Each structure stands twice: as structure tokens, then as C-alpha cells.
Amino acid sequence: MKKIDLACIIDDDPIFVFGAKRIMEMAHFCESFLIFPNGREALDKLKAIIKAGGQTPDIILLDINMPVLDGWGFLDEFTKIPISKKILIYIITSSIDPADIQKVKHYENVNNYIIKPITADKLKHILNELE
């Protein structure tokens, strides 16, 4: 099974981030992490990394309900950045709102909409999609 080099988690819930990192480590999902508490910090840092030619994440796990810049705002801005590498984006949220589930279909660069919590099985499914 393929292993991710760099995973990015954009979520304002420190308990979710802690748990997701632990599950990802136990599942040998990735080598390292980038963690951001909101879309604005993630967008600013990822833009700088891309501009500098640094290592970009292979996958982004994105919450949609966050302060400063939510997941939708992040997606709107991030999709405007020219990137040569394909970055897989997964919405990881507690929202079961049908409007959110429909809205995500308008973003062609979002691979899937996953309801929290993240589990080892969900991570395995993501890895299987990469193969």
C-alpha cells in the first residue's frame, strides 16, 4: 500500500488534530504533517511553499467550519493557485448538512466528503484511492 510523504490537516479543533495525527501515525499513513488551525494560515503558508518550490502536501484533510477563513474560503482561494503537482483534498467535517454535501460537488479538486471522526479504515480507503 502506498504511503503519503506529506499530509496537511487544516482544522481548528485541537482534539481532532491530535486524534487524527495519532491514527495516521498508527496506520503508517504518512511520513510527516503540516498542521494549520484555519484556512488563512494554511493558504498563506502553502502559497509561500509553492512559490519557493518547497515540498507541497500530497493530501489535504480540510475542515469546513473554522474561524478566520473556513474550508470553503480556503478552497475558493487555493484552487486559483497554479500548482504543477496534484494535491488530493478531502473534506473532513462533522457537518451532515445536505447543503454542504451538495456544495462540495462544485469543487472538482475535492476527492471526497468524509464525516468525522477519522478512522484507520477511512485512511485505508484514502490510500486505496491513490493506487
N, C-alpha and C. Protein backbone atom coordinates (compact mmCIF):
# COMPACT_ATOMS: atom_id res chain seq x y z
N MET A 1 0.84 -1.19 0.00
CA MET A 1 0.00 0.00 0.00
C MET A 1 0.89 1.25 0.00
N LYS A 2 0.50 2.23 -0.76
CA LYS A 2 1.25 3.47 -0.87
C LYS A 2 1.22 4.24 0.44
N LYS A 3 2.29 4.97 0.71
CA LYS A 3 2.35 5.81 1.89
C LYS A 3 2.53 7.26 1.42
N ILE A 4 1.84 8.16 2.07
CA ILE A 4 1.90 9.58 1.75
C ILE A 4 3.19 10.17 2.33
N ASP A 5 3.85 11.05 1.57
CA ASP A 5 5.04 11.73 2.11
C ASP A 5 4.64 12.83 3.09
N LEU A 6 3.76 13.72 2.65
CA LEU A 6 3.39 14.87 3.47
C LEU A 6 1.88 15.05 3.45
N ALA A 7 1.27 15.01 4.62
CA ALA A 7 -0.17 15.23 4.77
C ALA A 7 -0.39 16.58 5.46
N CYS A 8 -1.42 17.27 5.06
CA CYS A 8 -1.77 18.56 5.65
C CYS A 8 -3.14 18.44 6.30
N ILE A 9 -3.23 18.87 7.56
CA ILE A 9 -4.50 18.89 8.27
C ILE A 9 -4.83 20.35 8.54
N ILE A 10 -6.00 20.78 8.08
CA ILE A 10 -6.46 22.15 8.32
C ILE A 10 -7.74 22.03 9.13
N ASP A 11 -7.62 22.27 10.43
CA ASP A 11 -8.75 22.09 11.35
C ASP A 11 -8.47 22.88 12.62
N ASP A 12 -9.49 23.54 13.14
CA ASP A 12 -9.32 24.35 14.35
C ASP A 12 -9.54 23.58 15.64
N ASP A 13 -9.92 22.32 15.57
CA ASP A 13 -10.20 21.52 16.76
C ASP A 13 -8.94 20.74 17.17
N PRO A 14 -8.26 21.19 18.25
CA PRO A 14 -7.00 20.52 18.63
C PRO A 14 -7.19 19.05 19.02
N ILE A 15 -8.35 18.70 19.51
CA ILE A 15 -8.60 17.30 19.87
C ILE A 15 -8.70 16.45 18.62
N PHE A 16 -9.39 16.95 17.59
CA PHE A 16 -9.46 16.22 16.33
C PHE A 16 -8.07 16.09 15.72
N VAL A 17 -7.31 17.18 15.71
CA VAL A 17 -5.96 17.16 15.12
C VAL A 17 -5.08 16.14 15.83
N PHE A 18 -5.12 16.15 17.17
CA PHE A 18 -4.33 15.19 17.94
C PHE A 18 -4.73 13.76 17.59
N GLY A 19 -6.02 13.49 17.59
CA GLY A 19 -6.51 12.15 17.29
C GLY A 19 -6.20 11.72 15.87
N ALA A 20 -6.37 12.64 14.91
CA ALA A 20 -6.09 12.32 13.51
C ALA A 20 -4.62 12.00 13.32
N LYS A 21 -3.76 12.80 13.94
CA LYS A 21 -2.31 12.54 13.83
C LYS A 21 -1.96 11.17 14.40
N ARG A 22 -2.52 10.84 15.55
CA ARG A 22 -2.23 9.54 16.18
C ARG A 22 -2.69 8.39 15.29
N ILE A 23 -3.91 8.49 14.77
CA ILE A 23 -4.42 7.43 13.91
C ILE A 23 -3.58 7.33 12.64
N MET A 24 -3.19 8.46 12.08
CA MET A 24 -2.37 8.45 10.88
C MET A 24 -0.99 7.84 11.15
N GLU A 25 -0.44 8.13 12.32
CA GLU A 25 0.85 7.54 12.69
C GLU A 25 0.72 6.03 12.88
N MET A 26 -0.31 5.59 13.58
CA MET A 26 -0.51 4.16 13.82
C MET A 26 -0.79 3.40 12.53
N ALA A 27 -1.46 4.06 11.58
CA ALA A 27 -1.78 3.41 10.30
C ALA A 27 -0.63 3.54 9.29
N HIS A 28 0.46 4.18 9.70
CA HIS A 28 1.60 4.42 8.80
C HIS A 28 1.12 5.08 7.51
N PHE A 29 0.29 6.10 7.69
CA PHE A 29 -0.35 6.80 6.58
C PHE A 29 0.60 7.75 5.86
N CYS A 30 1.44 8.45 6.65
CA CYS A 30 2.32 9.46 6.04
C CYS A 30 3.62 9.58 6.82
N GLU A 31 4.59 10.23 6.16
CA GLU A 31 5.90 10.46 6.77
C GLU A 31 5.88 11.67 7.70
N SER A 32 5.20 12.75 7.29
CA SER A 32 5.18 13.97 8.10
C SER A 32 3.89 14.75 7.86
N PHE A 33 3.71 15.80 8.69
CA PHE A 33 2.48 16.59 8.71
C PHE A 33 2.75 18.08 8.59
N LEU A 34 1.79 18.78 8.02
CA LEU A 34 1.65 20.22 8.15
C LEU A 34 0.31 20.41 8.83
N ILE A 35 0.27 21.20 9.89
CA ILE A 35 -0.97 21.42 10.64
C ILE A 35 -1.28 22.91 10.67
N PHE A 36 -2.52 23.26 10.35
CA PHE A 36 -2.94 24.66 10.38
C PHE A 36 -4.30 24.76 11.08
N PRO A 37 -4.49 25.80 11.94
CA PRO A 37 -5.74 25.93 12.69
C PRO A 37 -6.87 26.63 11.93
N ASN A 38 -6.56 27.17 10.75
CA ASN A 38 -7.61 27.81 9.95
C ASN A 38 -7.14 27.93 8.51
N GLY A 39 -8.07 28.23 7.64
CA GLY A 39 -7.78 28.31 6.22
C GLY A 39 -6.82 29.42 5.85
N ARG A 40 -6.86 30.54 6.56
CA ARG A 40 -5.99 31.68 6.24
C ARG A 40 -4.53 31.31 6.46
N GLU A 41 -4.22 30.74 7.63
CA GLU A 41 -2.82 30.35 7.90
C GLU A 41 -2.37 29.30 6.88
N ALA A 42 -3.23 28.35 6.58
CA ALA A 42 -2.89 27.30 5.62
C ALA A 42 -2.63 27.91 4.24
N LEU A 43 -3.51 28.78 3.80
CA LEU A 43 -3.38 29.39 2.49
C LEU A 43 -2.09 30.20 2.39
N ASP A 44 -1.82 31.02 3.39
CA ASP A 44 -0.61 31.85 3.37
C ASP A 44 0.66 30.99 3.33
N LYS A 45 0.71 29.97 4.17
CA LYS A 45 1.91 29.12 4.23
C LYS A 45 2.05 28.27 2.97
N LEU A 46 0.96 27.69 2.50
CA LEU A 46 1.04 26.86 1.30
C LEU A 46 1.43 27.69 0.07
N LYS A 47 0.93 28.92 -0.03
CA LYS A 47 1.33 29.81 -1.12
C LYS A 47 2.84 30.04 -1.08
N ALA A 48 3.36 30.30 0.12
CA ALA A 48 4.80 30.55 0.28
C ALA A 48 5.62 29.31 -0.09
N ILE A 49 5.16 28.15 0.32
CA ILE A 49 5.85 26.90 -0.01
C ILE A 49 5.87 26.68 -1.52
N ILE A 50 4.72 26.88 -2.15
CA ILE A 50 4.61 26.68 -3.60
C ILE A 50 5.51 27.68 -4.34
N LYS A 51 5.48 28.93 -3.92
CA LYS A 51 6.29 29.98 -4.56
C LYS A 51 7.78 29.67 -4.43
N ALA A 52 8.18 29.13 -3.28
CA ALA A 52 9.59 28.82 -3.02
C ALA A 52 10.02 27.50 -3.65
N GLY A 53 9.07 26.77 -4.21
CA GLY A 53 9.40 25.47 -4.79
C GLY A 53 9.63 24.39 -3.76
N GLY A 54 9.06 24.58 -2.57
CA GLY A 54 9.21 23.61 -1.48
C GLY A 54 8.30 22.40 -1.65
N GLN A 55 8.39 21.51 -0.67
CA GLN A 55 7.58 20.29 -0.71
C GLN A 55 6.12 20.62 -0.38
N THR A 56 5.25 20.31 -1.30
CA THR A 56 3.82 20.53 -1.08
C THR A 56 3.20 19.23 -0.57
N PRO A 57 2.09 19.34 0.14
CA PRO A 57 1.45 18.12 0.64
C PRO A 57 0.90 17.27 -0.50
N ASP A 58 0.85 15.98 -0.26
CA ASP A 58 0.23 15.06 -1.21
C ASP A 58 -1.27 15.06 -1.02
N ILE A 59 -1.67 15.35 0.21
CA ILE A 59 -3.09 15.27 0.57
C ILE A 59 -3.40 16.36 1.59
N ILE A 60 -4.60 16.92 1.50
CA ILE A 60 -5.08 17.90 2.47
C ILE A 60 -6.37 17.37 3.07
N LEU A 61 -6.42 17.30 4.39
CA LEU A 61 -7.65 16.98 5.12
C LEU A 61 -8.18 18.30 5.64
N LEU A 62 -9.32 18.73 5.12
CA LEU A 62 -9.82 20.08 5.33
C LEU A 62 -11.16 20.10 6.04
N ASP A 63 -11.20 20.77 7.18
CA ASP A 63 -12.47 21.01 7.87
C ASP A 63 -13.16 22.19 7.17
N ILE A 64 -14.47 22.23 7.21
CA ILE A 64 -15.15 23.37 6.56
C ILE A 64 -15.58 24.44 7.55
N ASN A 65 -15.78 24.09 8.82
CA ASN A 65 -16.23 25.06 9.81
C ASN A 65 -15.06 25.48 10.70
N MET A 66 -14.46 26.63 10.36
CA MET A 66 -13.32 27.15 11.11
C MET A 66 -13.42 28.67 11.18
N PRO A 67 -12.76 29.27 12.17
CA PRO A 67 -12.72 30.73 12.23
C PRO A 67 -11.71 31.30 11.22
N VAL A 68 -11.68 32.58 11.08
CA VAL A 68 -10.77 33.36 10.24
C VAL A 68 -11.07 33.13 8.76
N LEU A 69 -10.79 31.94 8.24
CA LEU A 69 -11.14 31.57 6.86
C LEU A 69 -11.58 30.11 6.90
N ASP A 70 -12.85 29.87 6.58
CA ASP A 70 -13.36 28.50 6.66
C ASP A 70 -12.89 27.66 5.47
N GLY A 71 -13.27 26.41 5.45
CA GLY A 71 -12.83 25.50 4.40
C GLY A 71 -13.29 25.91 3.02
N TRP A 72 -14.50 26.47 2.92
CA TRP A 72 -14.99 26.91 1.61
C TRP A 72 -14.15 28.07 1.09
N GLY A 73 -13.84 29.02 1.96
CA GLY A 73 -13.00 30.16 1.57
C GLY A 73 -11.60 29.70 1.17
N PHE A 74 -11.07 28.73 1.92
CA PHE A 74 -9.76 28.17 1.58
C PHE A 74 -9.82 27.55 0.18
N LEU A 75 -10.83 26.72 -0.08
CA LEU A 75 -10.95 26.08 -1.39
C LEU A 75 -11.06 27.10 -2.52
N ASP A 76 -11.87 28.14 -2.30
CA ASP A 76 -12.06 29.17 -3.33
C ASP A 76 -10.72 29.82 -3.70
N GLU A 77 -9.88 30.09 -2.71
CA GLU A 77 -8.59 30.74 -2.96
C GLU A 77 -7.52 29.75 -3.41
N PHE A 78 -7.49 28.57 -2.82
CA PHE A 78 -6.44 27.59 -3.13
C PHE A 78 -6.55 27.10 -4.58
N THR A 79 -7.77 26.99 -5.08
CA THR A 79 -7.94 26.50 -6.44
C THR A 79 -7.45 27.50 -7.48
N LYS A 80 -7.21 28.74 -7.10
CA LYS A 80 -6.69 29.75 -8.01
C LYS A 80 -5.17 29.70 -8.14
N ILE A 81 -4.51 28.97 -7.26
CA ILE A 81 -3.05 28.91 -7.26
C ILE A 81 -2.58 27.89 -8.30
N PRO A 82 -1.70 28.32 -9.20
CA PRO A 82 -1.18 27.34 -10.17
C PRO A 82 -0.20 26.38 -9.49
N ILE A 83 -0.52 25.10 -9.57
CA ILE A 83 0.31 24.07 -8.93
C ILE A 83 0.55 22.97 -9.96
N SER A 84 1.79 22.56 -10.08
CA SER A 84 2.10 21.51 -11.06
C SER A 84 1.76 20.12 -10.52
N LYS A 85 1.80 19.96 -9.22
CA LYS A 85 1.55 18.67 -8.59
C LYS A 85 0.08 18.56 -8.21
N LYS A 86 -0.49 17.38 -8.39
CA LYS A 86 -1.88 17.16 -7.96
C LYS A 86 -1.90 16.95 -6.45
N ILE A 87 -2.69 17.75 -5.77
CA ILE A 87 -2.87 17.63 -4.32
C ILE A 87 -4.30 17.15 -4.09
N LEU A 88 -4.44 16.02 -3.44
CA LEU A 88 -5.76 15.47 -3.16
C LEU A 88 -6.35 16.18 -1.94
N ILE A 89 -7.58 16.61 -2.05
CA ILE A 89 -8.25 17.32 -0.95
C ILE A 89 -9.45 16.50 -0.51
N TYR A 90 -9.51 16.25 0.78
CA TYR A 90 -10.65 15.56 1.38
C TYR A 90 -11.28 16.48 2.42
N ILE A 91 -12.57 16.70 2.31
CA ILE A 91 -13.30 17.43 3.33
C ILE A 91 -13.52 16.46 4.48
N ILE A 92 -13.04 16.83 5.66
CA ILE A 92 -13.23 16.02 6.87
C ILE A 92 -14.01 16.90 7.83
N THR A 93 -15.27 16.60 8.06
CA THR A 93 -16.13 17.51 8.81
C THR A 93 -17.15 16.75 9.66
N SER A 94 -17.70 17.46 10.61
CA SER A 94 -18.79 16.90 11.41
C SER A 94 -20.15 17.27 10.79
N SER A 95 -20.12 18.08 9.75
CA SER A 95 -21.36 18.54 9.12
C SER A 95 -22.02 17.44 8.30
N ILE A 96 -23.26 17.18 8.63
CA ILE A 96 -24.06 16.24 7.83
C ILE A 96 -25.15 17.01 7.05
N ASP A 97 -24.97 18.32 6.98
CA ASP A 97 -25.90 19.20 6.28
C ASP A 97 -25.91 18.84 4.78
N PRO A 98 -27.07 18.49 4.23
CA PRO A 98 -27.15 18.15 2.80
C PRO A 98 -26.65 19.28 1.90
N ALA A 99 -26.79 20.53 2.34
CA ALA A 99 -26.30 21.66 1.53
C ALA A 99 -24.77 21.61 1.40
N ASP A 100 -24.08 21.24 2.48
CA ASP A 100 -22.63 21.11 2.43
C ASP A 100 -22.22 19.96 1.52
N ILE A 101 -22.92 18.86 1.62
CA ILE A 101 -22.62 17.68 0.81
C ILE A 101 -22.83 18.00 -0.68
N GLN A 102 -23.85 18.79 -1.00
CA GLN A 102 -24.08 19.20 -2.39
C GLN A 102 -23.04 20.23 -2.85
N LYS A 103 -22.71 21.16 -1.96
CA LYS A 103 -21.77 22.23 -2.30
C LYS A 103 -20.40 21.67 -2.70
N VAL A 104 -19.97 20.63 -2.02
CA VAL A 104 -18.65 20.06 -2.30
C VAL A 104 -18.55 19.52 -3.73
N LYS A 105 -19.67 19.17 -4.31
CA LYS A 105 -19.69 18.64 -5.68
C LYS A 105 -19.29 19.71 -6.71
N HIS A 106 -19.32 20.97 -6.32
CA HIS A 106 -18.94 22.06 -7.21
C HIS A 106 -17.43 22.27 -7.27
N TYR A 107 -16.70 21.55 -6.44
CA TYR A 107 -15.24 21.66 -6.40
C TYR A 107 -14.64 20.39 -7.00
N GLU A 108 -14.17 20.47 -8.23
CA GLU A 108 -13.66 19.28 -8.90
C GLU A 108 -12.36 18.76 -8.28
N ASN A 109 -11.65 19.60 -7.53
CA ASN A 109 -10.40 19.15 -6.92
C ASN A 109 -10.61 18.52 -5.54
N VAL A 110 -11.85 18.40 -5.08
CA VAL A 110 -12.12 17.72 -3.81
C VAL A 110 -12.45 16.26 -4.12
N ASN A 111 -11.69 15.37 -3.50
CA ASN A 111 -11.84 13.94 -3.79
C ASN A 111 -13.03 13.30 -3.09
N ASN A 112 -13.30 13.73 -1.86
CA ASN A 112 -14.38 13.08 -1.12
C ASN A 112 -14.79 13.94 0.07
N TYR A 113 -15.93 13.62 0.60
CA TYR A 113 -16.52 14.29 1.77
C TYR A 113 -16.64 13.21 2.84
N ILE A 114 -15.88 13.36 3.91
CA ILE A 114 -15.82 12.34 4.96
C ILE A 114 -16.33 12.93 6.26
N ILE A 115 -17.27 12.22 6.88
CA ILE A 115 -17.83 12.65 8.17
C ILE A 115 -16.88 12.21 9.29
N LYS A 116 -16.60 13.16 10.20
CA LYS A 116 -15.77 12.83 11.37
C LYS A 116 -16.48 11.80 12.22
N PRO A 117 -15.74 10.99 12.95
CA PRO A 117 -14.30 11.01 13.17
C PRO A 117 -13.56 10.28 12.06
N ILE A 118 -12.28 10.58 11.95
CA ILE A 118 -11.42 9.87 11.02
C ILE A 118 -11.04 8.54 11.67
N THR A 119 -11.03 7.49 10.88
CA THR A 119 -10.69 6.16 11.41
C THR A 119 -9.60 5.55 10.55
N ALA A 120 -9.01 4.48 11.06
CA ALA A 120 -7.99 3.76 10.30
C ALA A 120 -8.59 3.22 9.00
N ASP A 121 -9.83 2.75 9.05
CA ASP A 121 -10.49 2.24 7.84
C ASP A 121 -10.67 3.34 6.79
N LYS A 122 -11.05 4.54 7.24
CA LYS A 122 -11.21 5.65 6.30
C LYS A 122 -9.86 6.03 5.68
N LEU A 123 -8.80 5.97 6.49
CA LEU A 123 -7.46 6.26 5.96
C LEU A 123 -7.03 5.21 4.94
N LYS A 124 -7.33 3.95 5.23
CA LYS A 124 -7.00 2.88 4.29
C LYS A 124 -7.75 3.09 2.97
N HIS A 125 -8.99 3.52 3.07
CA HIS A 125 -9.78 3.80 1.87
C HIS A 125 -9.13 4.91 1.04
N ILE A 126 -8.66 5.95 1.72
CA ILE A 126 -7.98 7.05 1.03
C ILE A 126 -6.72 6.53 0.32
N LEU A 127 -5.94 5.72 1.02
CA LEU A 127 -4.72 5.18 0.42
C LEU A 127 -5.05 4.30 -0.78
N ASN A 128 -6.13 3.53 -0.68
CA ASN A 128 -6.53 2.68 -1.80
C ASN A 128 -6.93 3.51 -3.02
N GLU A 129 -7.50 4.68 -2.79
CA GLU A 129 -7.88 5.56 -3.89
C GLU A 129 -6.66 6.09 -4.63
N LEU A 130 -5.50 6.13 -3.95
CA LEU A 130 -4.27 6.63 -4.55
C LEU A 130 -3.63 5.64 -5.50
N GLU A 131 -3.94 4.38 -5.33
CA GLU A 131 -3.28 3.34 -6.13
C GLU A 131 -3.89 3.19 -7.50
